[in-house]
Protein backbone atom coordinates (compact mmCIF):
# COMPACT_ATOMS: atom_id res chain seq x y z
CA VAL A 1 95.43 121.27 77.72
CA LEU A 2 92.88 119.21 75.82
CA SER A 3 95.69 117.70 73.78
CA PHE A 4 96.87 115.95 76.96
CA SER A 5 94.60 112.94 76.89
CA VAL A 6 95.45 109.63 78.44
CA ASP A 7 92.79 107.21 77.19
CA LEU A 8 91.67 105.71 80.48
CA ARG A 9 89.44 103.29 78.65
CA ARG A 10 92.48 101.30 77.52
CA TYR A 11 93.36 100.73 81.19
CA PHE A 12 89.88 99.56 82.21
CA ALA A 13 88.78 97.60 79.12
CA LEU A 14 90.38 94.34 80.23
CA SER A 15 89.27 90.78 79.61
CA ILE A 16 87.57 88.73 82.31
CA SER A 17 90.51 86.36 82.37
CA LEU A 18 92.82 89.14 83.60
CA ARG A 19 90.43 89.92 86.43
CA GLN A 20 90.04 86.27 87.42
CA SER A 21 93.78 85.74 87.72
CA PHE A 22 93.97 88.29 90.55
CA THR A 23 90.61 88.15 92.33
CA CYS A 24 91.13 85.05 94.48
CA GLY A 25 92.48 87.12 97.33
CA GLN A 26 89.68 89.66 96.97
CA GLN A 27 86.81 87.17 97.36
CA ARG A 28 87.00 87.29 101.16
CA MET A 29 86.84 91.10 101.06
CA LEU A 30 83.80 91.03 98.77
CA ALA A 31 82.13 88.47 101.04
CA GLN A 32 82.67 90.77 104.02
CA ARG A 33 81.21 93.61 102.04
CA ALA A 34 78.15 91.50 101.20
CA LEU A 35 77.69 90.62 104.86
CA ARG A 36 77.81 94.29 105.78
CA GLY A 37 75.26 94.98 103.06
CA SER A 38 72.97 92.30 104.52
CA ALA A 39 73.31 93.87 107.96
CA SER A 40 72.39 97.22 106.45
CA VAL A 41 69.25 95.77 104.84
CA ALA A 42 68.22 94.12 108.13
CA LEU A 43 68.76 97.39 109.98
CA ARG A 44 66.66 99.41 107.56
CA SER A 45 63.94 96.76 107.69
CA SER A 46 63.77 96.88 111.48
CA LEU A 47 63.57 100.67 111.46
CA ARG A 48 60.60 100.53 109.08
CA SER A 49 58.70 98.06 111.27
CA THR A 50 55.90 99.59 113.37
CA ALA A 51 56.52 100.14 117.05
CA SER A 52 52.91 99.32 117.98
CA THR A 53 53.26 95.54 117.72
CA VAL A 54 52.76 94.06 121.21
CA ALA A 55 52.71 90.31 120.75
CA VAL A 56 55.74 88.87 119.03
CA SER A 57 56.77 85.31 118.45
CA SER A 58 59.96 83.92 119.92
CA SER A 59 61.60 83.94 116.48
CA THR A 60 60.71 87.58 115.97
CA ALA A 61 62.10 88.42 119.40
CA ALA A 62 65.35 86.71 118.49
CA THR A 63 65.52 88.71 115.25
CA ASP A 64 64.91 91.96 117.15
CA SER A 65 67.63 91.02 119.59
CA GLN A 66 70.09 90.52 116.73
CA THR A 67 69.07 93.88 115.27
CA ARG A 68 69.64 95.60 118.61
CA ARG A 69 73.11 94.05 118.77
CA CYS A 70 73.76 95.47 115.31
CA LEU A 71 72.66 98.91 116.46
CA THR A 72 74.80 98.88 119.59
CA GLY A 73 77.75 97.05 118.07
CA ARG A 74 78.74 97.24 114.44
CA SER A 75 76.75 99.21 111.90
CA SER A 76 76.74 98.76 108.13
CA PHE A 77 79.42 101.46 107.88
CA ASP A 78 82.88 100.13 108.70
CA LEU A 79 84.50 103.35 109.93
CA PRO A 80 87.06 102.67 112.67
CA ASP A 81 89.05 105.47 114.24
CA PRO A 82 92.45 105.35 112.46
CA ARG A 83 94.25 106.80 115.48
CA SER A 84 93.71 103.56 117.40
CA THR A 85 96.00 101.69 114.97
CA MET A 86 98.90 104.15 115.02
CA SER A 87 102.15 103.05 116.64
CA TYR A 88 102.70 106.61 117.90
CA GLN A 89 99.35 106.77 119.73
CA SER A 90 99.75 107.74 123.44
CA SER A 91 103.54 107.89 123.04
CA LEU A 92 105.89 108.10 120.12
CA GLU A 93 107.42 104.70 120.82
CA TYR A 94 107.59 101.78 118.43
CA THR A 95 107.39 98.87 120.85
CA SER A 96 103.85 99.48 122.06
CA LYS A 97 101.98 97.39 119.48
CA LYS A 98 102.28 95.47 116.24
CA TRP A 99 103.04 97.72 113.30
CA ASN A 100 100.40 98.02 110.61
CA PRO A 101 102.00 100.57 108.32
CA GLN A 102 100.20 102.63 105.73
CA LEU A 103 100.98 101.70 102.14
CA SER A 104 101.02 105.19 100.62
CA LYS A 105 103.87 107.39 101.83
CA ILE A 106 104.26 110.94 103.12
CA VAL A 107 106.76 113.40 101.66
CA ALA A 108 107.26 116.28 104.08
CA THR A 109 109.11 119.53 103.43
CA ILE A 110 111.45 120.36 106.30
CA GLY A 111 112.01 124.03 107.00
CA PRO A 112 112.55 126.55 109.80
CA THR A 113 109.80 125.23 112.09
CA SER A 114 110.70 121.56 111.70
CA GLU A 115 114.47 121.36 111.19
CA GLN A 116 115.53 121.14 114.84
CA LEU A 117 116.19 117.64 116.17
CA PRO A 118 113.37 117.36 118.77
CA VAL A 119 110.71 118.29 116.21
CA LEU A 120 112.22 116.34 113.34
CA LYS A 121 112.46 113.21 115.49
CA ASP A 122 108.72 113.40 116.16
CA ILE A 123 108.00 114.00 112.47
CA VAL A 124 110.00 110.89 111.55
CA ARG A 125 108.18 108.83 114.18
CA SER A 126 104.83 110.17 113.01
CA GLY A 127 105.21 108.80 109.50
CA MET A 128 107.40 110.95 107.26
CA ARG A 129 109.13 108.66 104.75
CA VAL A 130 110.78 111.22 102.46
CA MET A 131 112.29 114.54 103.55
CA ARG A 132 111.93 117.23 100.90
CA LEU A 133 114.52 120.00 100.77
CA ASN A 134 113.30 123.02 98.84
CA PHE A 135 116.40 124.49 97.20
CA SER A 136 114.45 127.57 96.13
CA HIS A 137 114.91 128.81 99.69
CA ALA A 138 117.27 126.57 101.68
CA THR A 139 120.86 127.60 102.32
CA VAL A 140 123.79 125.18 102.50
CA GLU A 141 123.90 125.53 106.30
CA GLU A 142 120.18 124.75 106.58
CA VAL A 143 120.46 121.72 104.29
CA GLU A 144 123.34 120.25 106.26
CA LEU A 145 121.56 120.80 109.57
CA ARG A 146 118.41 119.07 108.30
CA MET A 147 120.29 116.08 106.89
CA LYS A 148 122.34 115.72 110.07
CA ASN A 149 119.21 115.76 112.23
CA LEU A 150 117.40 113.32 109.94
CA LYS A 151 120.19 110.78 110.39
CA ALA A 152 119.99 111.25 114.16
CA SER A 153 116.21 110.72 114.28
CA LYS A 154 115.18 107.32 115.58
CA GLY A 155 113.05 105.26 113.23
CA ARG A 156 111.78 101.71 113.35
CA HIS A 157 115.19 100.47 112.21
CA SER A 158 116.44 101.16 115.73
CA LEU A 159 114.66 97.93 116.74
CA LEU A 160 116.97 95.84 114.55
CA VAL A 161 119.58 94.79 117.08
CA LYS A 162 122.24 92.12 117.01
CA GLY A 163 125.33 91.29 119.02
CA ASP A 164 127.41 94.19 120.27
CA GLU A 165 125.41 96.78 118.32
CA VAL A 166 122.99 97.26 121.23
CA GLU A 167 123.03 100.46 123.28
CA ALA A 168 122.92 99.40 126.94
CA SER A 169 120.83 102.40 128.03
CA THR A 170 118.04 101.97 125.46
CA GLY A 171 118.31 98.40 124.22
CA GLU A 172 118.24 99.78 120.68
CA SER A 173 120.64 99.51 117.79
CA SER A 174 123.73 101.68 117.95
CA ILE A 175 124.08 101.52 114.16
CA HIS A 176 120.61 101.45 112.61
CA LYS A 177 118.51 104.56 113.17
CA ASN A 178 116.14 104.97 110.25
CA VAL A 179 115.80 104.58 106.53
CA ARG A 180 114.37 107.85 105.28
CA ALA A 181 114.93 109.23 101.80
CA VAL A 182 115.97 112.78 100.89
CA LEU A 183 114.43 114.59 97.93
CA LEU A 184 116.22 117.61 96.49
CA ASP A 185 113.63 119.91 94.91
CA THR A 186 115.26 122.25 92.39
CA ARG A 187 114.24 125.84 91.86
CA GLY A 188 114.06 125.22 88.12
CA PRO A 189 114.22 127.65 85.23
CA GLU A 190 111.93 130.53 86.03
CA VAL A 191 110.63 133.66 84.34
CA ARG A 192 110.65 136.67 86.66
CA SER A 193 110.08 140.38 86.51
CA GLY A 194 112.89 142.89 87.04
CA LYS A 195 113.84 145.08 89.94
CA LEU A 196 111.61 148.09 90.52
CA ALA A 197 113.19 151.51 90.04
CA GLY A 198 114.38 152.92 93.36
CA ASP A 199 113.73 149.70 95.28
CA THR A 200 116.80 149.67 97.53
CA SER A 201 115.22 147.54 100.26
CA GLY A 202 113.74 144.89 97.98
CA LYS A 203 110.34 145.38 99.63
CA GLU A 204 108.91 148.22 97.56
CA THR A 205 105.82 147.70 95.36
CA VAL A 206 104.06 149.58 92.57
CA ASN A 207 100.35 149.57 91.85
CA ILE A 208 98.97 148.46 88.49
CA GLU A 209 95.45 149.70 87.77
CA ALA A 210 92.84 147.66 85.95
CA GLY A 211 92.63 148.69 82.27
CA SER A 212 96.08 150.28 82.23
CA THR A 213 98.64 149.43 79.55
CA VAL A 214 101.71 147.54 80.72
CA ALA A 215 104.64 147.09 78.34
CA LEU A 216 106.70 143.99 79.07
CA ARG A 217 110.34 144.76 78.19
CA THR A 218 113.22 142.34 77.65
CA THR A 219 116.11 144.76 77.13
CA ASP A 220 118.69 145.33 79.88
CA GLU A 221 117.90 149.03 80.28
CA TYR A 222 114.74 148.06 82.19
CA ARG A 223 116.27 145.24 84.26
CA GLU A 224 116.89 147.47 87.30
CA ASN A 225 114.38 150.20 86.41
CA SER A 226 110.96 148.59 86.09
CA THR A 227 107.83 150.66 86.58
CA ALA A 228 104.10 150.03 86.53
CA SER A 229 104.00 150.90 82.81
CA ASP A 230 107.33 149.37 81.71
CA LEU A 231 108.04 146.04 83.39
CA PHE A 232 111.18 144.03 82.69
CA ILE A 233 110.76 140.28 82.08
CA ASP A 234 113.90 138.13 82.11
CA TYR A 235 113.04 136.00 79.08
CA PRO A 236 114.49 137.45 75.83
CA LYS A 237 112.16 135.43 73.57
CA LEU A 238 109.00 136.58 75.32
CA ALA A 239 107.51 138.23 72.22
CA LYS A 240 108.03 135.07 70.13
CA CYS A 241 105.97 132.80 72.38
CA LEU A 242 102.98 135.13 72.95
CA VAL A 243 100.19 136.25 70.64
CA PRO A 244 97.33 138.69 71.18
CA GLY A 245 94.66 137.30 73.48
CA MET A 246 97.04 135.22 75.59
CA LYS A 247 97.42 135.86 79.31
CA VAL A 248 100.45 136.78 81.41
CA LEU A 249 100.17 136.15 85.14
CA LEU A 250 102.28 138.10 87.61
CA ASP A 251 103.08 136.92 91.14
CA ASP A 252 101.10 133.63 91.02
CA GLY A 253 98.16 135.27 89.31
CA ALA A 254 97.76 138.25 91.63
CA ILE A 255 97.74 140.42 88.49
CA ILE A 256 96.47 139.14 85.14
CA LEU A 257 97.52 140.81 81.89
CA THR A 258 96.00 140.26 78.43
CA VAL A 259 98.36 140.49 75.47
CA THR A 260 97.32 143.07 72.88
CA GLU A 261 100.49 143.18 70.74
CA ALA A 262 103.75 141.21 70.51
CA GLU A 263 106.81 142.40 68.59
CA ALA A 264 107.73 138.89 67.45
CA GLY A 265 109.84 140.12 64.55
CA LYS A 266 112.23 142.14 66.69
CA GLU A 267 115.25 141.02 68.68
CA ASN A 268 114.30 141.35 72.36
CA GLY A 269 110.90 142.60 71.26
CA SER A 270 108.38 144.03 73.69
CA VAL A 271 104.93 142.72 74.52
CA TYR A 272 102.09 145.15 75.15
CA THR A 273 99.32 144.14 77.53
CA THR A 274 96.24 145.43 79.31
CA ALA A 275 95.72 144.77 83.02
CA ASP A 276 92.58 142.77 83.77
CA ASN A 277 92.60 143.70 87.44
CA SER A 278 94.26 146.04 89.90
CA GLY A 279 97.04 144.93 92.22
CA GLU A 280 100.51 145.54 93.57
CA ILE A 281 103.66 144.09 92.03
CA ARG A 282 107.01 143.65 93.81
CA SER A 283 110.53 143.32 92.47
CA ARG A 284 111.47 140.02 90.84
CA ALA A 285 107.96 138.57 91.00
CA GLY A 286 107.24 135.23 89.37
CA VAL A 287 105.76 135.28 85.87
CA ASN A 288 103.56 132.57 84.34
CA LEU A 289 102.76 132.27 80.65
CA PRO A 290 99.72 129.96 80.42
CA GLY A 291 99.54 128.12 77.11
CA ALA A 292 102.90 129.40 75.88
CA GLU A 293 105.66 127.03 74.82
CA THR A 294 109.05 128.33 75.85
CA ASP A 295 112.56 127.05 75.20
CA LEU A 296 113.76 127.51 78.77
CA PRO A 297 116.61 125.15 79.69
CA ALA A 298 115.92 122.08 81.82
CA MET A 299 118.30 123.42 84.49
CA SER A 300 119.33 126.89 85.52
CA GLU A 301 122.89 127.52 86.60
CA LYS A 302 121.72 127.44 90.21
CA ASP A 303 120.09 124.05 89.61
CA LYS A 304 123.37 122.63 88.31
CA ILE A 305 125.23 123.83 91.40
CA ASP A 306 122.51 122.47 93.70
CA ILE A 307 122.34 119.06 92.02
CA LYS A 308 126.09 118.53 92.17
CA TYR A 309 126.13 119.64 95.80
CA GLY A 310 123.24 117.26 96.55
CA MET A 311 125.18 114.39 95.04
CA THR A 312 128.05 115.03 97.44
CA LYS A 313 125.46 114.61 100.22
CA ASP A 314 124.12 111.42 98.57
CA VAL A 315 120.54 112.63 98.10
CA ASP A 316 118.18 109.95 96.84
CA TYR A 317 115.83 111.86 94.54
CA VAL A 318 115.98 115.02 92.46
CA ALA A 319 112.61 116.67 91.86
CA ALA A 320 113.18 118.50 88.58
CA SER A 321 111.02 121.63 88.37
CA PHE A 322 109.25 122.86 85.23
CA ILE A 323 110.07 119.84 83.07
CA GLN A 324 108.67 120.56 79.62
CA ASN A 325 109.75 117.57 77.55
CA ALA A 326 111.65 114.27 77.64
CA GLU A 327 114.83 115.90 76.40
CA GLY A 328 114.96 117.92 79.62
CA VAL A 329 114.95 114.70 81.67
CA ARG A 330 117.72 113.21 79.53
CA GLU A 331 119.75 116.39 79.94
CA ILE A 332 119.50 116.23 83.74
CA ARG A 333 120.47 112.55 83.80
CA ALA A 334 123.45 113.18 81.55
CA TYR A 335 124.54 116.05 83.80
CA MET A 336 124.37 113.83 86.89
CA GLU A 337 126.46 111.16 85.12
CA ALA A 338 129.06 113.81 84.29
CA CYS A 339 129.01 115.03 87.92
CA ALA A 340 129.52 111.45 89.14
CA GLU A 341 132.63 111.14 86.97
CA GLU A 342 134.02 114.43 88.28
CA LEU A 343 133.27 113.54 91.89
CA GLU A 344 134.79 110.09 91.46
CA ALA A 345 137.99 111.66 90.17
CA GLU A 346 137.99 113.91 93.26
CA GLY A 347 137.41 110.94 95.58
CA HIS A 348 133.86 111.99 96.55
CA TRP A 349 131.94 109.31 94.65
CA GLU A 350 132.24 105.54 94.35
CA ALA A 351 132.18 103.91 90.93
CA GLY A 352 128.82 102.23 90.34
CA HIS A 353 127.07 104.08 93.17
CA PRO A 354 123.41 104.72 92.21
CA LEU A 355 122.63 108.18 90.88
CA PRO A 356 119.70 110.12 92.35
CA LEU A 357 116.39 109.13 90.79
CA ILE A 358 114.64 111.84 88.77
CA ILE A 359 111.11 112.85 89.76
CA SER A 360 109.78 115.10 87.00
CA LYS A 361 107.46 117.85 88.21
CA ILE A 362 104.57 118.49 85.84
CA GLU A 363 103.52 122.10 86.26
CA SER A 364 103.04 123.56 82.78
CA VAL A 365 101.04 123.14 79.59
CA SER A 366 104.13 121.93 77.81
CA GLY A 367 104.70 119.28 80.48
CA LEU A 368 101.16 118.01 79.97
CA LYS A 369 101.50 118.04 76.21
CA HIS A 370 104.65 115.86 76.33
CA PHE A 371 103.62 113.86 79.39
CA ASP A 372 103.89 110.35 77.94
CA ALA A 373 107.46 110.91 76.73
CA ILE A 374 108.42 112.58 80.04
CA LEU A 375 107.00 109.62 81.99
CA GLU A 376 108.98 107.15 79.92
CA GLU A 377 112.27 108.94 80.66
CA SER A 378 111.58 109.70 84.32
CA ASP A 379 111.87 107.54 87.44
CA GLY A 380 108.71 109.09 88.84
CA ILE A 381 106.28 112.00 88.52
CA MET A 382 105.19 114.79 90.84
CA VAL A 383 101.80 116.35 90.16
CA ALA A 384 102.79 119.91 91.13
CA ARG A 385 99.35 121.44 91.41
CA GLY A 386 100.51 124.92 92.47
CA ASP A 387 102.00 126.24 89.25
CA LEU A 388 99.84 123.86 87.23
CA GLY A 389 96.75 125.59 88.62
CA VAL A 390 98.10 128.87 87.27
CA GLU A 391 99.14 127.48 83.89
CA ILE A 392 95.87 125.70 83.07
CA PRO A 393 92.23 126.43 84.05
CA ILE A 394 92.06 125.67 87.74
CA GLN A 395 88.92 123.62 87.17
CA GLN A 396 90.98 121.15 85.13
CA VAL A 397 93.72 120.50 87.69
CA THR A 398 91.89 117.60 89.34
CA ASN A 399 91.18 116.00 85.98
CA ALA A 400 94.84 116.32 84.96
CA GLN A 401 95.85 114.83 88.32
CA LYS A 402 93.68 111.76 87.79
CA GLU A 403 94.98 111.19 84.27
CA MET A 404 98.61 111.52 85.34
CA VAL A 405 98.19 109.20 88.31
CA ALA A 406 96.47 106.61 86.11
CA ALA A 407 99.28 106.78 83.55
CA CYS A 408 101.92 106.33 86.29
CA ASN A 409 100.03 103.32 87.66
CA ALA A 410 100.04 101.78 84.19
CA ALA A 411 103.78 102.39 83.82
CA GLY A 412 104.55 101.05 87.29
CA LYS A 413 106.28 104.26 88.31
CA PRO A 414 105.71 106.21 91.55
CA VAL A 415 103.64 109.37 91.51
CA ILE A 416 103.55 112.11 94.17
CA VAL A 417 100.52 114.40 94.53
CA ALA A 418 101.59 117.75 95.95
CA THR A 419 100.60 121.28 96.95
CA GLN A 420 98.14 122.62 99.53
CA MET A 421 96.94 119.21 100.66
CA LEU A 422 96.48 120.28 104.31
CA GLU A 423 97.22 123.97 103.83
CA SER A 424 94.96 125.22 106.64
CA MET A 425 97.00 123.25 109.19
CA ALA A 426 99.84 125.70 108.70
CA LYS A 427 97.81 127.84 111.12
CA ASN A 428 95.14 125.55 112.56
CA PRO A 429 95.46 122.26 114.48
CA ARG A 430 92.64 120.67 112.49
CA PRO A 431 92.23 120.40 108.69
CA THR A 432 89.14 121.35 106.72
CA ARG A 433 86.86 118.61 105.49
CA ALA A 434 87.68 119.57 101.91
CA GLU A 435 91.39 119.00 102.61
CA VAL A 436 90.68 115.59 104.11
CA ALA A 437 88.68 114.73 101.00
CA ASP A 438 91.55 115.93 98.80
CA VAL A 439 94.09 113.61 100.47
CA THR A 440 91.59 110.74 100.50
CA ASN A 441 90.83 111.10 96.82
CA ALA A 442 94.54 111.19 95.97
CA ILE A 443 94.84 107.77 97.66
CA TYR A 444 91.76 106.53 95.79
CA ASP A 445 93.27 107.79 92.53
CA GLY A 446 96.34 105.60 93.11
CA ALA A 447 98.98 108.05 94.39
CA ASP A 448 102.12 106.45 95.81
CA CYS A 449 102.91 109.52 97.92
CA VAL A 450 101.17 112.64 99.13
CA MET A 451 103.23 115.69 99.99
CA LEU A 452 103.27 118.41 102.63
CA SER A 453 104.92 121.74 101.81
CA GLY A 454 104.50 124.86 103.91
CA GLU A 455 102.44 122.91 106.45
CA THR A 456 105.60 121.26 107.80
CA ALA A 457 108.23 123.73 106.58
CA LYS A 458 106.89 126.85 108.27
CA GLY A 459 103.57 125.89 109.85
CA LYS A 460 102.62 125.99 113.52
CA TYR A 461 101.79 122.26 113.80
CA PRO A 462 104.39 120.28 111.83
CA VAL A 463 104.09 117.08 113.88
CA GLN A 464 100.30 117.11 114.08
CA VAL A 465 99.93 117.63 110.34
CA VAL A 466 102.06 114.54 109.58
CA GLN A 467 100.02 112.49 112.04
CA THR A 468 96.79 113.79 110.53
CA MET A 469 97.87 112.90 107.01
CA ASN A 470 98.95 109.44 108.16
CA GLU A 471 95.54 108.88 109.72
CA ILE A 472 93.75 110.05 106.57
CA ILE A 473 95.83 107.59 104.53
CA ALA A 474 95.00 104.79 106.98
CA SER A 475 91.27 105.51 106.71
CA ALA A 476 91.34 105.60 102.92
CA GLU A 477 93.33 102.38 102.65
CA HIS A 478 91.07 100.57 105.13
CA PHE A 479 88.09 101.56 103.01
CA THR A 480 89.65 100.40 99.76
CA LYS A 481 90.71 97.10 101.32
CA TYR A 482 87.52 96.09 103.12
CA SER A 483 84.66 98.13 101.71
CA PHE A 484 85.52 98.98 98.11
CA PRO A 485 88.35 96.80 96.74
CA ASP A 486 87.42 97.72 93.17
CA ILE A 487 89.53 100.89 93.55
CA ASN A 488 92.78 98.96 93.98
CA LEU A 489 91.76 96.38 91.41
CA ALA A 490 91.32 99.14 88.85
CA ALA A 491 94.82 100.49 89.54
CA ARG A 492 96.21 96.96 89.30
CA GLU A 493 94.49 96.36 86.00
CA ARG A 494 95.98 99.56 84.61
CA PHE A 495 99.41 98.15 85.34
CA ILE A 496 98.54 94.74 83.86
CA GLN A 497 97.34 96.38 80.66
CA GLY A 498 100.51 98.47 80.59
CA GLN A 499 102.54 95.26 80.91
CA LEU A 500 100.69 93.74 77.99
CA ASN A 501 101.36 96.84 75.90
CA ARG A 502 105.06 96.73 76.81
CA GLU A 503 105.21 92.94 76.31
CA ASP A 504 106.91 92.61 79.66
CA ARG A 505 107.68 88.91 80.26
CA SER A 506 110.66 89.34 82.59
CA VAL A 507 111.49 87.06 85.51
CA GLU A 508 110.61 89.88 87.91
CA ALA A 509 107.17 90.33 86.34
CA SER A 510 106.34 86.62 86.58
CA ILE A 511 107.51 86.14 90.17
CA ALA A 512 105.82 89.40 91.27
CA LYS A 513 102.50 88.31 89.81
CA ALA A 514 102.75 84.91 91.53
CA ALA A 515 103.73 86.46 94.86
CA VAL A 516 100.81 88.89 94.97
CA THR A 517 98.30 86.21 93.95
CA ALA A 518 99.57 83.76 96.57
CA ALA A 519 99.79 86.41 99.31
CA GLU A 520 96.21 87.52 98.79
CA GLU A 521 94.93 83.94 98.55
CA ARG A 522 96.60 83.10 101.88
CA ASP A 523 95.60 86.42 103.46
CA ALA A 524 99.28 87.08 104.14
CA THR A 525 100.34 89.78 106.59
CA ALA A 526 103.25 90.87 104.41
CA ILE A 527 105.39 90.04 101.40
CA LEU A 528 109.11 89.72 102.14
CA VAL A 529 111.47 90.42 99.24
CA LEU A 530 115.14 89.43 99.27
CA SER A 531 116.95 91.05 96.37
CA CYS A 532 120.11 93.08 96.00
CA GLU A 533 118.46 95.40 93.50
CA GLY A 534 115.23 97.38 93.69
CA ASN A 535 113.53 96.16 90.52
CA LEU A 536 111.74 93.17 92.05
CA PRO A 537 110.11 95.00 94.99
CA ARG A 538 109.08 97.80 92.62
CA MET A 539 107.47 95.25 90.31
CA ILE A 540 105.57 93.67 93.20
CA ALA A 541 104.43 97.10 94.37
CA SER A 542 103.14 97.86 90.87
CA PHE A 543 100.58 95.06 91.29
CA ARG A 544 99.30 97.07 94.30
CA PRO A 545 98.87 94.32 96.93
CA ASN A 546 96.86 95.20 100.03
CA MET A 547 99.66 94.25 102.39
CA PRO A 548 103.07 95.83 103.04
CA ILE A 549 106.17 94.72 101.15
CA LEU A 550 109.29 94.35 103.30
CA SER A 551 112.27 94.67 101.00
CA PHE A 552 115.60 93.54 102.47
CA CYS A 553 118.43 95.52 100.87
CA PRO A 554 122.19 95.20 101.42
CA SER A 555 122.60 98.77 100.11
CA ALA A 556 121.31 101.72 102.13
CA LYS A 557 120.99 103.79 98.95
CA VAL A 558 118.87 101.15 97.21
CA ALA A 559 116.70 100.95 100.34
CA ARG A 560 116.13 104.69 100.46
CA GLN A 561 115.32 104.84 96.76
CA LEU A 562 112.41 102.45 97.32
CA MET A 563 110.69 104.87 99.68
CA CYS A 564 108.54 106.60 97.07
CA ASN A 565 106.91 103.34 95.92
CA ARG A 566 103.57 102.49 97.48
CA GLY A 567 103.64 99.62 99.95
CA ILE A 568 107.41 99.10 100.07
CA HIS A 569 109.05 99.34 103.49
CA PRO A 570 112.76 98.77 102.92
CA ILE A 571 114.99 97.21 105.57
CA HIS A 572 118.72 97.83 105.29
CA ILE A 573 120.49 94.66 106.47
CA ASP A 574 123.93 94.32 104.96
CA ASP A 575 124.79 90.82 106.19
CA LEU A 576 121.54 88.97 105.42
CA PHE A 577 122.82 88.01 102.00
CA ASP A 578 125.88 86.36 103.60
CA VAL A 579 123.54 83.78 105.15
CA PRO A 580 123.24 80.50 103.18
CA THR A 581 120.35 80.56 100.73
CA THR A 582 118.46 77.81 102.56
CA LYS A 583 118.44 79.81 105.82
CA ARG A 584 117.95 83.27 104.37
CA ALA A 585 114.14 83.26 104.46
CA GLY A 586 114.10 82.23 108.12
CA SER A 587 116.54 85.00 109.02
CA ALA A 588 114.43 87.55 107.15
CA ILE A 589 111.32 86.45 109.06
CA GLN A 590 113.14 86.90 112.37
CA TYR A 591 114.20 90.42 111.36
CA ALA A 592 110.60 91.18 110.33
CA LYS A 593 109.44 90.06 113.80
CA GLN A 594 111.99 92.41 115.38
CA PHE A 595 110.73 95.12 113.07
CA GLY A 596 107.26 94.69 114.57
CA MET A 597 105.68 93.63 111.27
CA LEU A 598 105.14 89.92 111.93
CA GLN A 599 104.13 87.77 114.85
CA GLU A 600 103.56 84.10 115.48
CA GLY A 601 100.85 82.57 113.32
CA ASP A 602 101.00 85.17 110.52
CA ASN A 603 101.14 83.98 106.94
CA VAL A 604 103.88 85.56 104.85
CA ALA A 605 105.07 85.29 101.26
CA VAL A 606 108.85 85.25 100.80
CA VAL A 607 110.25 86.15 97.39
CA THR A 608 113.90 85.82 96.41
CA LEU A 609 115.81 86.63 93.27
CA GLU A 610 119.26 85.15 92.73
CA PRO A 611 121.52 86.59 90.03
CA ALA A 612 122.69 84.42 87.15
CA ASP A 613 125.84 82.38 87.72
CA ASN A 614 127.92 79.80 85.90
CA GLU A 615 125.15 77.21 86.14
CA LEU A 616 122.21 79.47 85.33
CA SER A 617 122.10 81.75 82.30
CA SER A 618 119.39 84.03 83.74
CA ASP A 619 118.22 85.28 87.12
CA PHE A 620 116.57 82.65 89.31
CA GLY A 621 113.41 83.66 91.15
CA SER A 622 111.54 81.73 93.82
CA MET A 623 108.48 82.30 95.99
CA LYS A 624 107.23 80.43 99.06
CA VAL A 625 104.38 80.98 101.51
CA VAL A 626 105.02 80.11 105.15
CA THR A 627 103.44 80.56 108.56
CA VAL A 628 105.55 82.49 111.06
CA PRO A 629 106.69 80.17 113.87
């Protein structure tokens, strides 16, 4: 674990010139912070003054009056109620007020309690941006139902109306419903125990006593006949990756075994252990090998079937479980390319259609050890804290999370923080304070997305938990924008330093830097990006501006694959790019007004990127700042 060390100092040790180039837009925020600090000093001073003074001068009376206004009006703590800014407050309609979207996104797992259309529609309206499908449990019928209902759920895109595409009964678009991404989460290669002897129902258990000897067998004779003393493990090379003193965890750590002997020299050798605690074990329980490096494949046979099936459904992301090294990511990408060729030959795939993006789940010691190489090969990272908390000391999970998020910020790639974020809301309508702090700190760390698992898949309050997470995000982002902008500046500087290390001098990098600087200087409401590809909006998002980025995309797939990036709110408009270049920005602004993002008098930065043509040898980028008419 200690070998995984991202030197955060290299991200923070930046020259003053780098800071100055991006702090123009932050000066107003710092000034507001100073004013609040002055109000706080005045308030404390008035509280210390004695109450026995009878005669006061007129100037003192005026000062006291100002202090009283501070006490009854605005205090030194800027802590507004985030619910008042939500578009779904009072009713789940989008036309009630101007939209001030959160920048960080919510990934929500859809399961039995949230898959039906009425519930899923409310979850979409409440802020879910990415629907996670857990292929460890979901059946084909369940997946198809959830994807069908997601497409039928009304999102903000229903406000984009034109011509004969308007439904007479609702005044909404008959074509555009929502742009929500789908993430296919693979089961991954797993190590499991065997079937217990005599377990015909699949629900039987055996008790393992503390101090007892448990032999872990890898030969087929124990596969269907496991007992408390002889337990089958479905990894033939088990004895070669364990040494005395190492731990084996059964059923997510319910039972902990200490290795006393490993028959490494034998084919399918056994491992002998001593139980550290008492507990019950069921058939085919999960097995974790903390600290052990295995040669498990990047994909199981089930994963291959699921990924190919997901491609026929045009999923946007594949969350690859138990990624151990960069070669595993390359193997998955190569497999998807081969699947695309097969599906194209069968008429189920279009040539050139974007493949699903790969989100590598880091949940093992090996994944941490090879993290930098995995990040380079991946399209994004998921900090999968569940299995990671079993694989490494649980006290180190938060530290690993912060290092991984910082590295993703530097690389300009999205990172999802997952597992048990609002776990108590699976049963309770209100989260614990520790859970609120967990989500808040993930936003402070620089997470692009935060994820809900069982809370929305099988919990009692799937809609309320999404709303609660959205409100926590809003509170955290308000704080980082107005009270403590140094948090976002630090994340931005990590990316700038990463650019310097990569020697990135592309057109996208230059125009993105200019757009963010100008937008913050002009206190812009939003940045509008007009580009056929997703690279430019991703580059702008990597500079972590404090305003939303509306990315106009002619391709629905490109739009959906921008959903995991902080701040980007894609708009799928297929005919905007048919408009003459000189009128395109004006048309985009009108769509943004329909979308509820802009209104008259707002400042907005508009960024365009034109591909190279016969007259230009490279892409042509432009940026302008305008006031919305």
